[in-house]
């Protein structure tokens, strides 16, 4: 019966690793989705700031050239 018990434990360990891997995979996918959203939000914020600065610089340069 000892041999059968060892095989049962091995089967349980394999099952636990498989289930654990699936759980980690799901967590990794969720984190990847959240990180993608954060990166996209950051990219939009940087683009908005760049557009604002370009607008300010463009208006400033234009007003200076009109004064000359």
N, C-alpha and C. Protein backbone atom coordinates (compact mmCIF):
# COMPACT_ATOMS: atom_id res chain seq x y z
N UNK A 1 0.81 -1.19 0.00
CA UNK A 1 0.00 0.00 0.00
C UNK A 1 0.86 1.26 0.00
N UNK A 2 2.09 1.13 0.42
CA UNK A 2 2.97 2.30 0.46
C UNK A 2 3.19 2.84 -0.95
N UNK A 3 3.39 1.96 -1.93
CA UNK A 3 3.59 2.40 -3.31
C UNK A 3 2.39 3.15 -3.85
N UNK A 4 1.20 2.69 -3.53
CA UNK A 4 -0.02 3.37 -3.97
C UNK A 4 -0.16 4.73 -3.34
N UNK A 5 0.26 4.84 -2.09
CA UNK A 5 0.19 6.11 -1.37
C UNK A 5 1.13 7.14 -1.99
N UNK A 6 2.31 6.70 -2.38
CA UNK A 6 3.29 7.59 -3.01
C UNK A 6 2.74 8.12 -4.33
N UNK A 7 2.13 7.22 -5.11
CA UNK A 7 1.55 7.65 -6.38
C UNK A 7 0.42 8.65 -6.16
N UNK A 8 -0.38 8.45 -5.11
CA UNK A 8 -1.45 9.39 -4.81
C UNK A 8 -0.88 10.77 -4.49
N UNK A 9 0.20 10.79 -3.69
CA UNK A 9 0.83 12.08 -3.35
C UNK A 9 1.42 12.74 -4.57
N UNK A 10 2.02 11.95 -5.44
CA UNK A 10 2.58 12.51 -6.67
C UNK A 10 1.48 13.10 -7.54
N UNK A 11 0.38 12.39 -7.63
CA UNK A 11 -0.75 12.90 -8.41
C UNK A 11 -1.28 14.20 -7.80
N UNK A 12 -1.36 14.25 -6.48
CA UNK A 12 -1.83 15.47 -5.81
C UNK A 12 -0.87 16.63 -6.03
N UNK A 13 0.42 16.35 -5.97
CA UNK A 13 1.41 17.41 -6.19
C UNK A 13 1.31 17.94 -7.62
N UNK A 14 1.19 17.03 -8.58
CA UNK A 14 1.06 17.44 -9.98
C UNK A 14 -0.21 18.26 -10.16
N UNK A 15 -1.30 17.82 -9.57
CA UNK A 15 -2.56 18.57 -9.67
C UNK A 15 -2.43 19.95 -9.03
N UNK A 16 -1.80 20.02 -7.88
CA UNK A 16 -1.62 21.31 -7.19
C UNK A 16 -0.77 22.25 -8.03
N UNK A 17 0.28 21.74 -8.64
CA UNK A 17 1.13 22.59 -9.49
C UNK A 17 0.35 23.08 -10.70
N UNK A 18 -0.44 22.22 -11.28
CA UNK A 18 -1.23 22.60 -12.45
C UNK A 18 -2.25 23.67 -12.09
N UNK A 19 -2.97 23.47 -11.01
CA UNK A 19 -3.96 24.45 -10.57
C UNK A 19 -3.27 25.75 -10.18
N UNK A 20 -2.14 25.65 -9.48
CA UNK A 20 -1.38 26.84 -9.10
C UNK A 20 -0.92 27.62 -10.31
N UNK A 21 -0.45 26.92 -11.31
CA UNK A 21 0.01 27.57 -12.54
C UNK A 21 -1.13 28.31 -13.20
N UNK A 22 -2.31 27.69 -13.24
CA UNK A 22 -3.47 28.34 -13.84
C UNK A 22 -3.87 29.58 -13.05
N UNK A 23 -3.80 29.49 -11.72
CA UNK A 23 -4.15 30.63 -10.89
C UNK A 23 -3.15 31.76 -11.11
N UNK A 24 -1.87 31.43 -11.17
CA UNK A 24 -0.86 32.46 -11.43
C UNK A 24 -1.04 33.06 -12.81
N UNK A 25 -1.35 32.23 -13.78
CA UNK A 25 -1.55 32.73 -15.14
C UNK A 25 -2.70 33.73 -15.18
N UNK A 26 -3.79 33.43 -14.48
CA UNK A 26 -4.93 34.35 -14.43
C UNK A 26 -4.53 35.65 -13.76
N UNK A 27 -3.79 35.58 -12.67
CA UNK A 27 -3.34 36.78 -11.97
C UNK A 27 -2.41 37.61 -12.86
N UNK A 28 -1.53 36.93 -13.58
CA UNK A 28 -0.61 37.63 -14.48
C UNK A 28 -1.38 38.33 -15.59
N UNK A 29 -2.38 37.67 -16.14
CA UNK A 29 -3.20 38.28 -17.19
C UNK A 29 -3.94 39.50 -16.67
N UNK A 30 -4.47 39.42 -15.44
CA UNK A 30 -5.17 40.56 -14.85
C UNK A 30 -4.21 41.73 -14.61
N UNK A 31 -3.02 41.43 -14.10
CA UNK A 31 -2.03 42.47 -13.89
C UNK A 31 -1.59 43.10 -15.21
N UNK A 32 -1.44 42.27 -16.23
CA UNK A 32 -1.06 42.77 -17.55
C UNK A 32 -2.12 43.72 -18.10
N UNK A 33 -3.38 43.37 -17.92
CA UNK A 33 -4.48 44.23 -18.37
C UNK A 33 -4.46 45.57 -17.63
N UNK A 34 -4.28 45.52 -16.31
CA UNK A 34 -4.24 46.75 -15.52
C UNK A 34 -3.03 47.60 -15.89
N UNK A 35 -1.89 46.98 -16.07
CA UNK A 35 -0.68 47.72 -16.43
C UNK A 35 -0.84 48.37 -17.80
N UNK A 36 -1.45 47.67 -18.73
CA UNK A 36 -1.71 48.24 -20.05
C UNK A 36 -2.57 49.49 -19.95
N UNK A 37 -3.61 49.44 -19.10
CA UNK A 37 -4.47 50.60 -18.90
C UNK A 37 -3.70 51.78 -18.31
N UNK A 38 -2.84 51.49 -17.34
CA UNK A 38 -2.05 52.55 -16.71
C UNK A 38 -1.11 53.18 -17.74
N UNK A 39 -0.46 52.36 -18.53
CA UNK A 39 0.46 52.87 -19.56
C UNK A 39 -0.30 53.72 -20.57
N UNK A 40 -1.47 53.27 -21.00
CA UNK A 40 -2.26 54.04 -21.96
C UNK A 40 -2.70 55.37 -21.36
N UNK A 41 -3.13 55.37 -20.09
CA UNK A 41 -3.52 56.61 -19.42
C UNK A 41 -2.33 57.56 -19.32
N UNK A 42 -1.18 57.04 -18.96
CA UNK A 42 0.03 57.86 -18.86
C UNK A 42 0.39 58.44 -20.22
N UNK A 43 0.32 57.62 -21.25
CA UNK A 43 0.64 58.07 -22.60
C UNK A 43 -0.28 59.20 -23.03
N UNK A 44 -1.58 59.06 -22.73
CA UNK A 44 -2.53 60.13 -23.06
C UNK A 44 -2.21 61.41 -22.29
N UNK A 45 -1.88 61.27 -21.02
CA UNK A 45 -1.55 62.44 -20.20
C UNK A 45 -0.32 63.15 -20.74
N UNK A 46 0.69 62.40 -21.12
CA UNK A 46 1.91 63.00 -21.66
C UNK A 46 1.59 63.67 -22.99
N UNK A 47 0.80 63.04 -23.82
CA UNK A 47 0.44 63.65 -25.10
C UNK A 47 -0.33 64.94 -24.90
N UNK A 48 -1.25 64.97 -23.95
CA UNK A 48 -2.02 66.18 -23.67
C UNK A 48 -1.09 67.29 -23.20
N UNK A 49 -0.15 66.96 -22.32
CA UNK A 49 0.81 67.94 -21.82
C UNK A 49 1.69 68.46 -22.96
N UNK A 50 2.12 67.57 -23.84
CA UNK A 50 2.95 67.98 -24.98
C UNK A 50 2.15 68.91 -25.90
N UNK A 51 0.90 68.59 -26.14
CA UNK A 51 0.07 69.46 -26.98
C UNK A 51 -0.14 70.83 -26.34
N UNK A 52 -0.35 70.83 -25.02
CA UNK A 52 -0.53 72.10 -24.31
C UNK A 52 0.73 72.95 -24.42
N UNK A 53 1.87 72.35 -24.22
CA UNK A 53 3.13 73.10 -24.31
C UNK A 53 3.40 73.58 -25.73
N UNK A 54 3.10 72.75 -26.70
CA UNK A 54 3.27 73.15 -28.09
C UNK A 54 2.37 74.33 -28.41
N UNK A 55 1.15 74.26 -27.94
CA UNK A 55 0.21 75.35 -28.17
C UNK A 55 0.74 76.63 -27.53
N UNK A 56 1.18 76.54 -26.27
CA UNK A 56 1.72 77.72 -25.60
C UNK A 56 2.94 78.26 -26.32
N UNK A 57 3.85 77.39 -26.70
CA UNK A 57 5.07 77.81 -27.38
C UNK A 57 4.73 78.39 -28.75
N UNK A 58 3.83 77.76 -29.45
CA UNK A 58 3.44 78.25 -30.77
C UNK A 58 2.79 79.62 -30.68
N UNK A 59 1.91 79.81 -29.73
CA UNK A 59 1.25 81.11 -29.56
C UNK A 59 2.27 82.15 -29.13
N UNK A 60 3.17 81.75 -28.24
CA UNK A 60 4.18 82.67 -27.75
C UNK A 60 5.10 83.09 -28.89
N UNK A 61 5.55 82.15 -29.69
CA UNK A 61 6.44 82.44 -30.81
C UNK A 61 5.72 83.30 -31.84
N UNK A 62 4.45 82.99 -32.07
CA UNK A 62 3.67 83.76 -33.03
C UNK A 62 3.48 85.19 -32.55
N UNK A 63 3.16 85.38 -31.28
CA UNK A 63 2.95 86.74 -30.76
C UNK A 63 4.25 87.52 -30.77
N UNK A 64 5.38 86.88 -30.55
CA UNK A 64 6.67 87.58 -30.61
C UNK A 64 7.00 87.99 -32.02
N UNK A 65 6.70 87.14 -32.99
CA UNK A 65 7.01 87.48 -34.38
C UNK A 65 6.10 88.58 -34.88
N UNK A 66 4.88 88.68 -34.36
CA UNK A 66 3.97 89.76 -34.75
C UNK A 66 4.41 91.10 -34.17
N UNK A 67 5.05 91.07 -32.99
CA UNK A 67 5.53 92.30 -32.35
C UNK A 67 6.74 92.86 -33.08
N UNK A 68 7.51 92.02 -33.77
CA UNK A 68 8.74 92.46 -34.42
C UNK A 68 8.49 93.26 -35.66
